[in-house]
Amino acid sequence: MTPNVSQIPRWLAVLGWIALPGTILLASDLAYESTFLTWSHGEQMIGFSVSHLLGPLVLLAFLSAIVCHVFLFVVLVLVLSRRLQLRQLSNVQRALVFTLLICACSLYIPYRVWKHAAIAVGGPGPNAGQFLVYAAHDGDKSTVELLLNHGVPVDTLNGDSTALNGACAGGQIEIARFLLSKGAEFSRAPDCRNMISILHQP
């Protein structure tokens, strides 16, 4: 190792290596639940499967994520104080920092973004009706448009509810108007009956 290579302090490197396995596990599980599991089985309670898979050990994964944040914060302070230059770290240390950084950032990606990406890549999938109704209810117009652009019929049912009914139930007037403009049947949306005047306003 050349003398000019800066080093992460030993205690900090140990902290990073301790955080690595649990943080990777947590980030991977959240990505899996938010994409493939959501796509194949419908809307998810995120974190539910990892808690069942690991049981009490799930606390270790969350503790790892906390340690990961501490590690990254201290590295940032060292970089800003010019006591550490990331470009001069050894390849192994650089890989540790960037792996933990990617894992930590992935923990903050909203569920809606993951779900949107899964639909964009895999198509509407077997739960298209549920996705459409939930997106309409939550005011998620980009997902509604994505599903309709992928050929999901505007009046696809989730149980006995259509997207238009979901939009009205959620008070999403703009989404309801958009769905009506796409040909949604008003007669199949009982929750819209008391909103007729609002929906037909210019």
C-alpha atoms as a PDB file:
ATOM      1  CA  MET A   1       0.000   0.000   0.000  1.00  0.00           C
ATOM      2  CA  THR A   2       1.426   3.361  -0.987  1.00  0.00           C
ATOM      3  CA  PRO A   3       2.106   5.918   1.755  1.00  0.00           C
ATOM      4  CA  ASN A   4      -0.129   8.615   0.220  1.00  0.00           C
ATOM      5  CA  VAL A   5      -3.309   6.500   0.477  1.00  0.00           C
ATOM      6  CA  SER A   6      -5.502   7.991   3.203  1.00  0.00           C
ATOM      7  CA  GLN A   7      -7.202   5.575   5.560  1.00  0.00           C
ATOM      8  CA  ILE A   8     -10.498   5.427   7.350  1.00  0.00           C
ATOM      9  CA  PRO A   9      -9.647   5.185  11.069  1.00  0.00           C
ATOM     10  CA  ARG A  10      -9.598   1.563  12.215  1.00  0.00           C
ATOM     11  CA  TRP A  11     -12.474   1.955  14.680  1.00  0.00           C
ATOM     12  CA  LEU A  12     -14.613   3.550  11.957  1.00  0.00           C
ATOM     13  CA  ALA A  13     -13.777   0.839   9.430  1.00  0.00           C
ATOM     14  CA  VAL A  14     -14.809  -1.812  11.983  1.00  0.00           C
ATOM     15  CA  LEU A  15     -18.090   0.063  12.481  1.00  0.00           C
ATOM     16  CA  GLY A  16     -18.664   0.038   8.721  1.00  0.00           C
ATOM     17  CA  TRP A  17     -17.970  -3.684   8.380  1.00  0.00           C
ATOM     18  CA  ILE A  18     -20.317  -4.428  11.297  1.00  0.00           C
ATOM     19  CA  ALA A  19     -23.072  -2.391   9.622  1.00  0.00           C
ATOM     20  CA  LEU A  20     -22.609  -3.912   6.172  1.00  0.00           C
ATOM     21  CA  PRO A  21     -24.421  -7.317   6.324  1.00  0.00           C
ATOM     22  CA  GLY A  22     -27.539  -6.120   8.146  1.00  0.00           C
ATOM     23  CA  THR A  23     -27.847  -2.960   6.058  1.00  0.00           C
ATOM     24  CA  ILE A  24     -27.540  -4.917   2.798  1.00  0.00           C
ATOM     25  CA  LEU A  25     -30.154  -7.389   4.077  1.00  0.00           C
ATOM     26  CA  LEU A  26     -32.581  -4.630   5.064  1.00  0.00           C
ATOM     27  CA  ALA A  27     -32.125  -2.648   1.839  1.00  0.00           C
ATOM     28  CA  SER A  28     -32.457  -5.790  -0.292  1.00  0.00           C
ATOM     29  CA  ASP A  29     -35.605  -6.903   1.497  1.00  0.00           C
ATOM     30  CA  LEU A  30     -37.265  -3.487   1.219  1.00  0.00           C
ATOM     31  CA  ALA A  31     -36.456  -3.389  -2.513  1.00  0.00           C
ATOM     32  CA  TYR A  32     -37.786  -6.953  -2.949  1.00  0.00           C
ATOM     33  CA  GLU A  33     -41.015  -6.226  -1.050  1.00  0.00           C
ATOM     34  CA  SER A  34     -41.555  -2.934  -2.853  1.00  0.00           C
ATOM     35  CA  THR A  35     -41.011  -4.377  -6.334  1.00  0.00           C
ATOM     36  CA  PHE A  36     -41.349  -8.100  -7.029  1.00  0.00           C
ATOM     37  CA  LEU A  37     -43.506  -9.013  -4.028  1.00  0.00           C
ATOM     38  CA  THR A  38     -45.792  -6.037  -4.627  1.00  0.00           C
ATOM     39  CA  TRP A  39     -46.010  -6.816  -8.348  1.00  0.00           C
ATOM     40  CA  SER A  40     -46.778 -10.504  -7.820  1.00  0.00           C
ATOM     41  CA  HIS A  41     -48.965 -10.377  -4.674  1.00  0.00           C
ATOM     42  CA  GLY A  42     -50.377  -6.841  -4.558  1.00  0.00           C
ATOM     43  CA  GLU A  43     -49.929  -3.955  -2.148  1.00  0.00           C
ATOM     44  CA  GLN A  44     -47.597  -4.780   0.736  1.00  0.00           C
ATOM     45  CA  MET A  45     -47.096  -3.780   4.333  1.00  0.00           C
ATOM     46  CA  ILE A  46     -43.442  -2.965   3.869  1.00  0.00           C
ATOM     47  CA  GLY A  47     -41.198  -4.635   6.414  1.00  0.00           C
ATOM     48  CA  PHE A  48     -43.768  -7.352   7.110  1.00  0.00           C
ATOM     49  CA  SER A  49     -41.972 -10.169   5.299  1.00  0.00           C
ATOM     50  CA  VAL A  50     -38.536  -9.327   6.725  1.00  0.00           C
ATOM     51  CA  SER A  51     -39.968  -9.328  10.249  1.00  0.00           C
ATOM     52  CA  HIS A  52     -41.436 -12.785   9.629  1.00  0.00           C
ATOM     53  CA  LEU A  53     -38.291 -14.053   7.936  1.00  0.00           C
ATOM     54  CA  LEU A  54     -35.889 -12.882  10.633  1.00  0.00           C
ATOM     55  CA  GLY A  55     -38.161 -12.642  13.667  1.00  0.00           C
ATOM     56  CA  PRO A  56     -36.394 -10.875  16.529  1.00  0.00           C
ATOM     57  CA  LEU A  57     -33.234 -10.663  14.412  1.00  0.00           C
ATOM     58  CA  VAL A  58     -34.942  -7.924  12.406  1.00  0.00           C
ATOM     59  CA  LEU A  59     -33.849  -5.582  15.208  1.00  0.00           C
ATOM     60  CA  LEU A  60     -30.242  -6.335  14.263  1.00  0.00           C
ATOM     61  CA  ALA A  61     -30.953  -5.296  10.670  1.00  0.00           C
ATOM     62  CA  PHE A  62     -32.427  -1.985  11.866  1.00  0.00           C
ATOM     63  CA  LEU A  63     -29.517  -1.479  14.297  1.00  0.00           C
ATOM     64  CA  SER A  64     -27.155  -2.133  11.379  1.00  0.00           C
ATOM     65  CA  ALA A  65     -28.917   0.592   9.401  1.00  0.00           C
ATOM     66  CA  ILE A  66     -28.457   3.001  12.319  1.00  0.00           C
ATOM     67  CA  VAL A  67     -24.767   2.105  12.581  1.00  0.00           C
ATOM     68  CA  CYS A  68     -24.511   2.581   8.807  1.00  0.00           C
ATOM     69  CA  HIS A  69     -25.861   6.118   9.138  1.00  0.00           C
ATOM     70  CA  VAL A  70     -23.394   6.882  11.944  1.00  0.00           C
ATOM     71  CA  PHE A  71     -20.548   5.520   9.799  1.00  0.00           C
ATOM     72  CA  LEU A  72     -21.557   7.616   6.786  1.00  0.00           C
ATOM     73  CA  PHE A  73     -22.021  10.731   8.917  1.00  0.00           C
ATOM     74  CA  VAL A  74     -18.525  10.421  10.429  1.00  0.00           C
ATOM     75  CA  VAL A  75     -17.018   9.750   6.980  1.00  0.00           C
ATOM     76  CA  LEU A  76     -18.773  12.884   5.679  1.00  0.00           C
ATOM     77  CA  VAL A  77     -17.426  14.958   8.592  1.00  0.00           C
ATOM     78  CA  LEU A  78     -13.914  13.634   7.932  1.00  0.00           C
ATOM     79  CA  VAL A  79     -14.212  14.427   4.216  1.00  0.00           C
ATOM     80  CA  LEU A  80     -15.543  17.927   4.868  1.00  0.00           C
ATOM     81  CA  SER A  81     -12.787  18.581   7.401  1.00  0.00           C
ATOM     82  CA  ARG A  82     -10.284  17.339   4.794  1.00  0.00           C
ATOM     83  CA  ARG A  83      -8.949  14.624   7.056  1.00  0.00           C
ATOM     84  CA  LEU A  84     -10.089  12.037   4.513  1.00  0.00           C
ATOM     85  CA  GLN A  85     -10.113  12.015   0.726  1.00  0.00           C
ATOM     86  CA  LEU A  86     -12.386   9.365  -0.748  1.00  0.00           C
ATOM     87  CA  ARG A  87     -10.445   9.170  -3.987  1.00  0.00           C
ATOM     88  CA  GLN A  88      -7.317   8.207  -2.025  1.00  0.00           C
ATOM     89  CA  LEU A  89      -8.908   5.369  -0.055  1.00  0.00           C
ATOM     90  CA  SER A  90      -7.947   1.808  -0.809  1.00  0.00           C
ATOM     91  CA  ASN A  91     -10.309   0.033  -3.209  1.00  0.00           C
ATOM     92  CA  VAL A  92     -11.732  -2.068  -0.379  1.00  0.00           C
ATOM     93  CA  GLN A  93     -12.483   0.948   1.809  1.00  0.00           C
ATOM     94  CA  ARG A  94     -13.941   2.852  -1.119  1.00  0.00           C
ATOM     95  CA  ALA A  95     -16.186  -0.139  -1.896  1.00  0.00           C
ATOM     96  CA  LEU A  96     -17.327  -0.244   1.752  1.00  0.00           C
ATOM     97  CA  VAL A  97     -18.251   3.456   1.765  1.00  0.00           C
ATOM     98  CA  PHE A  98     -20.117   3.366  -1.541  1.00  0.00           C
ATOM     99  CA  THR A  99     -21.943   0.100  -0.767  1.00  0.00           C
ATOM    100  CA  LEU A 100     -23.195   1.480   2.539  1.00  0.00           C
ATOM    101  CA  LEU A 101     -24.089   4.781   0.862  1.00  0.00           C
ATOM    102  CA  ILE A 102     -26.153   3.021  -1.831  1.00  0.00           C
ATOM    103  CA  CYS A 103     -27.896   0.830   0.766  1.00  0.00           C
ATOM    104  CA  ALA A 104     -28.660   3.807   3.006  1.00  0.00           C
ATOM    105  CA  CYS A 105     -30.043   5.850   0.103  1.00  0.00           C
ATOM    106  CA  SER A 106     -32.261   2.963  -1.016  1.00  0.00           C
ATOM    107  CA  LEU A 107     -33.937   2.956   2.415  1.00  0.00           C
ATOM    108  CA  TYR A 108     -35.353   6.406   1.623  1.00  0.00           C
ATOM    109  CA  ILE A 109     -36.849   5.615  -1.791  1.00  0.00           C
ATOM    110  CA  PRO A 110     -40.643   5.919  -1.388  1.00  0.00           C
ATOM    111  CA  TYR A 111     -42.745   2.793  -1.855  1.00  0.00           C
ATOM    112  CA  ARG A 112     -44.657   4.510  -4.682  1.00  0.00           C
ATOM    113  CA  VAL A 113     -41.428   4.956  -6.679  1.00  0.00           C
ATOM    114  CA  TRP A 114     -40.461   1.286  -6.299  1.00  0.00           C
ATOM    115  CA  LYS A 115     -43.973   0.160  -7.282  1.00  0.00           C
ATOM    116  CA  HIS A 116     -44.000   2.493 -10.281  1.00  0.00           C
ATOM    117  CA  ALA A 117     -40.640   1.088 -11.424  1.00  0.00           C
ATOM    118  CA  ALA A 118     -41.873  -2.507 -11.034  1.00  0.00           C
ATOM    119  CA  ILE A 119     -44.938  -1.767 -13.172  1.00  0.00           C
ATOM    120  CA  ALA A 120     -42.841   0.070 -15.772  1.00  0.00           C
ATOM    121  CA  VAL A 121     -40.443  -2.886 -16.061  1.00  0.00           C
ATOM    122  CA  GLY A 122     -42.776  -5.862 -15.536  1.00  0.00           C
ATOM    123  CA  GLY A 123     -46.028  -4.463 -16.896  1.00  0.00           C
ATOM    124  CA  PRO A 124     -49.286  -4.195 -14.940  1.00  0.00           C
ATOM    125  CA  GLY A 125     -49.058  -7.777 -13.657  1.00  0.00           C
ATOM    126  CA  PRO A 126     -51.706  -9.867 -11.925  1.00  0.00           C
ATOM    127  CA  ASN A 127     -52.748  -7.080  -9.530  1.00  0.00           C
ATOM    128  CA  ALA A 128     -53.380  -4.329 -12.064  1.00  0.00           C
ATOM    129  CA  GLY A 129     -56.896  -3.653 -10.762  1.00  0.00           C
ATOM    130  CA  GLN A 130     -55.668  -3.212  -7.209  1.00  0.00           C
ATOM    131  CA  PHE A 131     -52.827  -0.944  -8.322  1.00  0.00           C
ATOM    132  CA  LEU A 132     -55.182   1.196 -10.392  1.00  0.00           C
ATOM    133  CA  VAL A 133     -57.816   1.603  -7.663  1.00  0.00           C
ATOM    134  CA  TYR A 134     -55.242   2.291  -4.939  1.00  0.00           C
ATOM    135  CA  ALA A 135     -53.348   4.785  -7.113  1.00  0.00           C
ATOM    136  CA  ALA A 136     -56.592   6.612  -7.939  1.00  0.00           C
ATOM    137  CA  HIS A 137     -57.592   6.667  -4.262  1.00  0.00           C
ATOM    138  CA  ASP A 138     -54.183   8.040  -3.234  1.00  0.00           C
ATOM    139  CA  GLY A 139     -54.034  10.666  -5.991  1.00  0.00           C
ATOM    140  CA  ASP A 140     -51.067   9.002  -7.701  1.00  0.00           C
ATOM    141  CA  LYS A 141     -51.783  10.232 -11.223  1.00  0.00           C
ATOM    142  CA  SER A 142     -48.468   9.067 -12.697  1.00  0.00           C
ATOM    143  CA  THR A 143     -49.213   5.450 -11.733  1.00  0.00           C
ATOM    144  CA  VAL A 144     -52.801   5.729 -12.993  1.00  0.00           C
ATOM    145  CA  GLU A 145     -51.508   7.018 -16.339  1.00  0.00           C
ATOM    146  CA  LEU A 146     -48.799   4.342 -16.465  1.00  0.00           C
ATOM    147  CA  LEU A 147     -51.343   1.554 -15.923  1.00  0.00           C
ATOM    148  CA  LEU A 148     -53.775   2.947 -18.484  1.00  0.00           C
ATOM    149  CA  ASN A 149     -50.923   3.370 -20.993  1.00  0.00           C
ATOM    150  CA  HIS A 150     -50.038  -0.298 -20.414  1.00  0.00           C
ATOM    151  CA  GLY A 151     -53.542  -1.265 -21.520  1.00  0.00           C
ATOM    152  CA  VAL A 152     -55.302  -1.718 -18.168  1.00  0.00           C
ATOM    153  CA  PRO A 153     -59.021  -0.983 -18.775  1.00  0.00           C
ATOM    154  CA  VAL A 154     -60.173   2.147 -16.951  1.00  0.00           C
ATOM    155  CA  ASP A 155     -63.015   0.261 -15.242  1.00  0.00           C
ATOM    156  CA  THR A 156     -60.937  -2.718 -14.089  1.00  0.00           C
ATOM    157  CA  LEU A 157     -62.261  -3.956 -10.773  1.00  0.00           C
ATOM    158  CA  ASN A 158     -60.485  -4.405  -7.482  1.00  0.00           C
ATOM    159  CA  GLY A 159     -63.058  -6.379  -5.562  1.00  0.00           C
ATOM    160  CA  ASP A 160     -66.199  -4.434  -6.440  1.00  0.00           C
ATOM    161  CA  SER A 161     -64.523  -1.025  -6.803  1.00  0.00           C
ATOM    162  CA  THR A 162     -63.331   0.759  -9.916  1.00  0.00           C
ATOM    163  CA  ALA A 163     -60.586   3.377 -10.054  1.00  0.00           C
ATOM    164  CA  LEU A 164     -63.201   6.111 -10.435  1.00  0.00           C
ATOM    165  CA  ASN A 165     -64.941   4.917  -7.294  1.00  0.00           C
ATOM    166  CA  GLY A 166     -61.571   4.818  -5.500  1.00  0.00           C
ATOM    167  CA  ALA A 167     -60.772   8.366  -6.599  1.00  0.00           C
ATOM    168  CA  CYS A 168     -64.116   9.665  -5.312  1.00  0.00           C
ATOM    169  CA  ALA A 169     -63.768   7.729  -2.049  1.00  0.00           C
ATOM    170  CA  GLY A 170     -60.351   9.326  -1.572  1.00  0.00           C
ATOM    171  CA  GLY A 171     -61.584  12.810  -2.493  1.00  0.00           C
ATOM    172  CA  GLN A 172     -59.279  12.927  -5.531  1.00  0.00           C
ATOM    173  CA  ILE A 173     -61.336  15.199  -7.798  1.00  0.00           C
ATOM    174  CA  GLU A 174     -58.602  15.749 -10.398  1.00  0.00           C
ATOM    175  CA  ILE A 175     -58.002  11.994 -10.749  1.00  0.00           C
ATOM    176  CA  ALA A 176     -61.757  11.358 -10.976  1.00  0.00           C
ATOM    177  CA  ARG A 177     -62.086  13.918 -13.770  1.00  0.00           C
ATOM    178  CA  PHE A 178     -59.107  12.384 -15.546  1.00  0.00           C
ATOM    179  CA  LEU A 179     -60.658   8.907 -15.337  1.00  0.00           C
ATOM    180  CA  LEU A 180     -63.972  10.218 -16.657  1.00  0.00           C
ATOM    181  CA  SER A 181     -62.103  11.759 -19.583  1.00  0.00           C
ATOM    182  CA  LYS A 182     -60.653   8.296 -20.271  1.00  0.00           C
ATOM    183  CA  GLY A 183     -64.123   6.771 -20.440  1.00  0.00           C
ATOM    184  CA  ALA A 184     -64.713   5.554 -16.881  1.00  0.00           C
ATOM    185  CA  GLU A 185     -68.357   4.676 -16.276  1.00  0.00           C
ATOM    186  CA  PHE A 186     -69.961   6.928 -13.682  1.00  0.00           C
ATOM    187  CA  SER A 187     -72.645   4.302 -13.002  1.00  0.00           C
ATOM    188  CA  ARG A 188     -69.991   1.899 -11.648  1.00  0.00           C
ATOM    189  CA  ALA A 189     -68.772   4.402  -9.043  1.00  0.00           C
ATOM    190  CA  PRO A 190     -71.364   4.713  -6.264  1.00  0.00           C
ATOM    191  CA  ASP A 191     -69.050   6.872  -4.133  1.00  0.00           C
ATOM    192  CA  CYS A 192     -69.181   9.541  -6.851  1.00  0.00           C
ATOM    193  CA  ARG A 193     -72.949  10.079  -6.679  1.00  0.00           C
ATOM    194  CA  ASN A 194     -72.761  12.951  -4.194  1.00  0.00           C
ATOM    195  CA  MET A 195     -69.972  14.607  -6.234  1.00  0.00           C
ATOM    196  CA  ILE A 196     -71.750  14.959  -9.586  1.00  0.00           C
ATOM    197  CA  SER A 197     -71.771  18.767  -9.578  1.00  0.00           C
ATOM    198  CA  ILE A 198     -68.104  19.020  -8.545  1.00  0.00           C
ATOM    199  CA  LEU A 199     -66.929  16.486 -11.119  1.00  0.00           C
ATOM    200  CA  HIS A 200     -68.679  18.250 -13.984  1.00  0.00           C
ATOM    201  CA  GLN A 201     -67.408  21.726 -13.135  1.00  0.00           C
ATOM    202  CA  PRO A 202     -65.007  23.125 -15.759  1.00  0.00           C
END
